[in-house]
Protein backbone atom coordinates (compact mmCIF):
# COMPACT_ATOMS: atom_id res chain seq x y z
CA MET A 1 1.67 6.87 -16.12
CA ASP A 2 2.12 7.90 -19.76
CA SER A 3 5.15 10.45 -20.46
CA VAL A 4 5.87 11.86 -23.89
CA PHE A 5 8.77 13.84 -24.84
CA LEU A 6 8.79 15.85 -28.21
CA ALA A 7 12.12 17.66 -28.78
CA SER A 8 12.43 20.50 -31.31
CA THR A 9 16.12 19.58 -31.72
CA ALA A 10 17.46 19.08 -35.35
CA PRO A 11 17.69 15.39 -36.35
CA CYS A 12 21.17 13.59 -35.65
CA MET A 13 23.44 14.33 -38.71
CA CYS A 14 26.33 12.49 -36.77
CA PRO A 15 27.83 10.11 -39.59
CA HIS A 16 28.06 7.16 -37.25
CA GLY A 17 23.91 7.90 -37.07
CA GLN A 18 22.90 7.68 -40.68
CA ASN A 19 20.86 10.86 -40.00
CA TYR A 20 18.54 8.73 -38.14
CA MET A 21 17.96 7.35 -34.62
CA VAL A 22 20.91 7.47 -32.38
CA LEU A 23 20.80 6.45 -29.01
CA HIS A 24 24.24 7.08 -28.05
CA CYS A 25 24.79 10.63 -29.29
CA PRO A 26 24.40 13.24 -26.16
CA GLU A 27 24.25 16.24 -28.43
CA HIS A 28 21.24 14.90 -30.59
CA PRO A 29 18.69 13.07 -28.43
CA LEU A 30 15.63 11.58 -29.99
CA GLN A 31 13.10 13.74 -31.11
CA PHE A 32 9.85 11.78 -29.86
CA VAL A 33 9.89 9.32 -26.61
CA HIS A 34 7.04 7.62 -25.38
CA SER A 35 7.07 6.10 -22.10
CA ARG A 36 4.66 4.40 -19.87
CA GLY A 37 5.11 3.11 -15.99
CA GLY A 38 8.89 3.91 -16.53
CA SER A 39 9.42 1.87 -19.61
CA GLU A 40 10.05 3.01 -23.12
CA GLN A 41 7.18 2.32 -25.29
CA THR A 42 8.60 3.51 -28.63
CA ASN A 43 11.12 6.31 -29.89
CA PHE A 44 12.32 7.72 -33.19
CA ASN A 45 13.44 10.85 -35.05
CA LEU A 46 10.84 12.85 -36.78
CA GLY A 47 10.81 13.99 -40.66
CA GLY A 48 12.63 13.15 -43.71
CA ARG A 49 11.82 9.54 -43.65
CA ARG A 50 13.18 9.02 -40.07
CA GLU A 51 10.09 7.54 -38.62
CA SER A 52 11.18 4.44 -40.80
CA ARG A 53 13.65 3.57 -37.89
CA ARG A 54 11.40 3.23 -34.75
CA SER A 55 12.71 1.35 -31.66
CA GLY A 56 11.25 0.22 -28.20
CA GLY A 57 8.79 -2.20 -26.87
CA THR A 58 5.77 -0.99 -29.03
CA ALA A 59 7.75 0.67 -31.83
CA ASP A 60 4.84 0.22 -34.13
CA MET A 61 2.09 1.84 -32.07
CA SER A 62 1.50 4.49 -34.54
CA VAL A 63 2.42 2.51 -37.79
CA ARG A 64 -1.19 2.23 -39.05
CA GLU A 65 -1.38 5.93 -39.15
CA LEU A 66 2.10 6.54 -40.37
CA LEU A 67 1.36 4.22 -43.30
CA GLU A 68 -1.99 5.81 -43.93
CA ALA A 69 -0.25 9.10 -44.14
CA ARG A 70 2.48 7.81 -46.80
CA ILE A 71 5.22 8.57 -44.05
CA VAL A 72 6.34 4.98 -43.86
CA GLY A 73 6.36 1.99 -45.88
CA ARG A 74 6.24 1.80 -49.70
CA GLY A 75 5.20 4.68 -52.36
CA THR A 76 6.12 7.59 -50.00
CA PRO A 77 6.36 11.05 -51.48
CA TYR A 78 9.92 11.18 -50.23
CA ASP A 79 11.32 9.92 -53.32
CA THR A 80 9.62 12.55 -55.52
CA ASP A 81 9.22 15.31 -52.88
CA PRO A 82 12.32 15.82 -50.96
CA GLY A 83 10.34 18.38 -48.71
CA PHE A 84 7.20 16.23 -48.01
CA ASN A 85 7.31 15.87 -44.13
CA ALA A 86 10.62 17.47 -43.92
CA ASP A 87 10.20 19.02 -40.40
CA GLY A 88 7.97 15.99 -39.27
CA ALA A 89 4.98 18.21 -38.55
CA ARG A 90 2.71 15.44 -40.19
CA THR A 91 4.12 13.04 -37.71
CA VAL A 92 3.77 15.23 -34.68
CA ARG A 93 0.08 15.83 -35.59
CA ILE A 94 -0.31 11.84 -36.03
CA ILE A 95 1.38 11.28 -32.45
CA ALA A 96 -0.87 14.06 -30.93
CA GLY A 97 -3.82 12.41 -32.36
CA ARG A 98 -3.03 8.79 -31.39
CA LEU A 99 -1.92 9.98 -27.65
CA GLY A 100 -4.68 12.61 -27.37
CA LEU A 101 -1.89 15.26 -26.50
CA PRO A 102 -3.17 18.81 -26.23
CA SER A 103 -1.97 20.40 -29.25
CA PRO A 104 -3.58 23.34 -30.30
CA PRO A 105 -1.05 24.65 -32.62
CA LEU A 106 -1.09 21.14 -34.47
CA ASP A 107 -4.87 21.03 -34.50
CA LEU A 108 -5.34 22.00 -38.30
CA GLY A 109 -7.63 19.00 -39.19
CA PRO A 110 -6.84 15.60 -40.53
CA VAL A 111 -3.82 14.97 -42.53
CA ASP A 112 -4.49 14.40 -46.08
CA ALA A 113 -3.03 11.15 -46.87
CA ARG A 114 -3.05 11.89 -50.62
CA ALA A 115 -0.74 15.15 -50.33
């Protein structure tokens, strides 16, 4: 059985977390967690380059899609466009598509990897 947790909380801004994944911060939980059979498969925070810090048994489960959308890897628009995927909406659409989640509000067509 698969379980997916998507939180609309703000990313952790704690100084010890480098604004990324902070597993030990009770005030700022991870924004995306995918579990299968009770075991955590992958987890990370969304937007603002935070997807580069993935963890879990299958942390690279969506890496191909994230690379194609230029959310992770070299040459991402983050360096030239600070607003690129700042809220993680592109990432959520990729996750929803990869895991087959029902997501009518996110069904805006394919993400343009060139954008």
